[in-house]
């Protein structure tokens, strides 16, 4: 980038999206989740660069959830080209029997400098408040 030139606002946050649906009967299909996340991202100037989708997969375990496994692998190996992971809500990240397992995967991401953000649940520790006062949650 040339000196004195500012990057476009949407390049400050590059996001991966993670969507999951265990059955076809759920209210939020992976497409519906993605649409809601896309709207959330657009309102905040976040650029979505990759989507990981587990369709027809239970959230109780990571086994069989190839997309989540790939996401975690990309984060751990430094191949992630994003600095935030957008998930519709905490139940889409997983319904792990052990809450520590869910927290562990979030920790793996955070340790790599990547925040997991739940778009439908506005927590006070929203990544965008911590990283930039100008982006409202």
Protein backbone atom coordinates (compact mmCIF):
# COMPACT_ATOMS: atom_id res chain seq x y z
CA UNK A 1 0.00 0.00 0.00
CA UNK A 2 1.35 3.44 -0.85
CA UNK A 3 2.26 5.77 1.95
CA UNK A 4 -0.62 8.00 2.96
CA UNK A 5 -3.20 5.64 1.45
CA UNK A 6 -5.72 4.08 3.81
CA UNK A 7 -6.94 0.52 3.45
CA UNK A 8 -10.65 0.09 2.77
CA UNK A 9 -12.67 -0.12 5.99
CA UNK A 10 -13.72 -3.73 5.29
CA UNK A 11 -10.11 -4.93 5.20
CA UNK A 12 -9.58 -4.26 8.93
CA UNK A 13 -11.49 -7.41 9.80
CA UNK A 14 -11.21 -10.49 7.61
CA UNK A 15 -13.59 -13.20 8.68
CA UNK A 16 -14.22 -16.86 8.28
CA UNK A 17 -17.79 -18.03 8.75
CA UNK A 18 -18.62 -21.30 10.48
CA UNK A 19 -22.12 -22.72 10.00
CA UNK A 20 -23.55 -26.04 11.19
CA UNK A 21 -26.88 -27.77 11.01
CA UNK A 22 -27.59 -31.22 12.41
CA UNK A 23 -30.85 -31.96 10.56
CA UNK A 24 -32.79 -30.58 7.63
CA UNK A 25 -35.67 -29.67 9.96
CA UNK A 26 -33.87 -26.94 11.86
CA UNK A 27 -35.13 -23.39 11.62
CA UNK A 28 -31.73 -22.07 10.65
CA UNK A 29 -30.33 -23.91 7.68
CA UNK A 30 -26.69 -23.29 6.92
CA UNK A 31 -27.83 -20.87 4.20
CA UNK A 32 -30.06 -18.95 6.64
CA UNK A 33 -27.21 -18.79 9.15
CA UNK A 34 -24.86 -17.55 6.45
CA UNK A 35 -27.35 -14.88 5.35
CA UNK A 36 -27.71 -13.57 8.93
CA UNK A 37 -23.94 -13.60 9.44
CA UNK A 38 -23.40 -11.83 6.12
CA UNK A 39 -25.80 -9.07 7.17
CA UNK A 40 -24.00 -8.78 10.53
CA UNK A 41 -20.65 -8.52 8.76
CA UNK A 42 -21.86 -5.93 6.25
CA UNK A 43 -23.19 -3.70 9.05
CA UNK A 44 -19.74 -3.74 10.67
CA UNK A 45 -17.51 -3.50 7.60
CA UNK A 46 -16.20 -7.04 7.99
CA UNK A 47 -14.98 -8.85 4.89
CA UNK A 48 -15.97 -12.54 4.72
CA UNK A 49 -13.22 -14.45 2.98
CA UNK A 50 -14.02 -18.10 3.75
CA UNK A 51 -16.90 -20.30 4.85
CA UNK A 52 -16.66 -23.60 6.70
CA UNK A 53 -19.91 -25.57 6.68
CA UNK A 54 -20.90 -28.78 8.45
CA UNK A 55 -24.31 -29.88 7.17
CA UNK A 56 -26.19 -32.74 8.79
CA UNK A 57 -23.67 -32.94 11.63
CA UNK A 58 -24.37 -33.22 15.34
CA UNK A 59 -22.80 -30.56 17.52
CA UNK A 60 -22.14 -32.97 20.39
CA UNK A 61 -18.64 -33.95 19.23
CA UNK A 62 -16.00 -32.73 16.83
CA UNK A 63 -15.77 -36.21 15.30
CA UNK A 64 -17.33 -36.19 11.84
CA UNK A 65 -17.36 -32.38 11.64
CA UNK A 66 -14.80 -32.05 8.88
CA UNK A 67 -15.35 -28.31 8.40
CA UNK A 68 -14.75 -27.46 12.06
CA UNK A 69 -11.74 -29.77 12.13
CA UNK A 70 -10.34 -28.00 9.04
CA UNK A 71 -11.02 -24.58 10.56
CA UNK A 72 -9.14 -25.51 13.74
CA UNK A 73 -6.31 -27.03 11.71
CA UNK A 74 -6.03 -23.86 9.59
CA UNK A 75 -5.86 -21.79 12.78
CA UNK A 76 -3.28 -24.02 14.48
CA UNK A 77 -1.00 -24.25 11.43
CA UNK A 78 -1.08 -20.53 10.67
CA UNK A 79 -2.92 -20.98 7.35
CA UNK A 80 -5.86 -18.90 8.52
CA UNK A 81 -6.05 -15.68 6.52
CA UNK A 82 -8.71 -14.24 8.82
CA UNK A 83 -8.68 -12.57 12.22
CA UNK A 84 -12.22 -13.33 13.33
CA UNK A 85 -14.58 -16.31 13.06
CA UNK A 86 -18.26 -15.45 12.78
CA UNK A 87 -20.75 -18.02 14.04
CA UNK A 88 -24.52 -17.49 14.18
CA UNK A 89 -24.83 -18.54 17.83
CA UNK A 90 -23.02 -20.59 20.42
CA UNK A 91 -25.11 -23.70 19.69
CA UNK A 92 -23.84 -23.69 16.10
CA UNK A 93 -20.24 -23.79 17.35
CA UNK A 94 -21.22 -26.90 19.25
CA UNK A 95 -23.36 -28.57 21.86
CA UNK A 96 -20.41 -30.40 23.36
CA UNK A 97 -21.20 -32.61 26.34
CA UNK A 98 -18.22 -31.07 28.10
CA UNK A 99 -18.37 -27.25 28.07
CA UNK A 100 -14.60 -27.20 28.44
CA UNK A 101 -14.27 -28.76 24.99
CA UNK A 102 -16.12 -25.86 23.38
CA UNK A 103 -14.05 -23.39 25.38
CA UNK A 104 -10.87 -25.20 24.35
CA UNK A 105 -11.55 -24.73 20.63
CA UNK A 106 -12.28 -21.05 21.23
CA UNK A 107 -9.04 -20.81 23.19
CA UNK A 108 -7.07 -22.39 20.33
CA UNK A 109 -8.40 -19.66 18.07
CA UNK A 110 -7.81 -16.84 20.56
CA UNK A 111 -4.25 -18.07 21.20
CA UNK A 112 -3.64 -17.66 17.46
CA UNK A 113 -5.02 -14.11 17.58
CA UNK A 114 -8.39 -15.05 16.11
CA UNK A 115 -11.58 -14.15 17.97
CA UNK A 116 -14.74 -16.30 17.77
CA UNK A 117 -17.79 -14.02 17.64
CA UNK A 118 -21.42 -15.13 17.94
CA UNK A 119 -23.52 -12.86 15.75
CA UNK A 120 -26.93 -13.52 17.31
CA UNK A 121 -25.67 -13.09 20.88
CA UNK A 122 -24.34 -9.66 21.75
CA UNK A 123 -21.88 -10.25 24.57
CA UNK A 124 -20.13 -7.37 26.30
CA UNK A 125 -16.75 -8.77 25.30
CA UNK A 126 -17.53 -8.28 21.62
CA UNK A 127 -14.30 -8.35 19.60
CA UNK A 128 -15.17 -5.16 17.77
CA UNK A 129 -15.36 -3.09 20.97
CA UNK A 130 -11.99 -4.37 22.02
CA UNK A 131 -10.34 -3.84 18.64
CA UNK A 132 -11.97 -0.66 17.38
CA UNK A 133 -14.24 1.78 19.15
CA UNK A 134 -15.80 2.83 15.86
CA UNK A 135 -17.43 -0.51 15.06
CA UNK A 136 -20.61 -1.05 17.10
CA UNK A 137 -21.70 -4.50 18.16
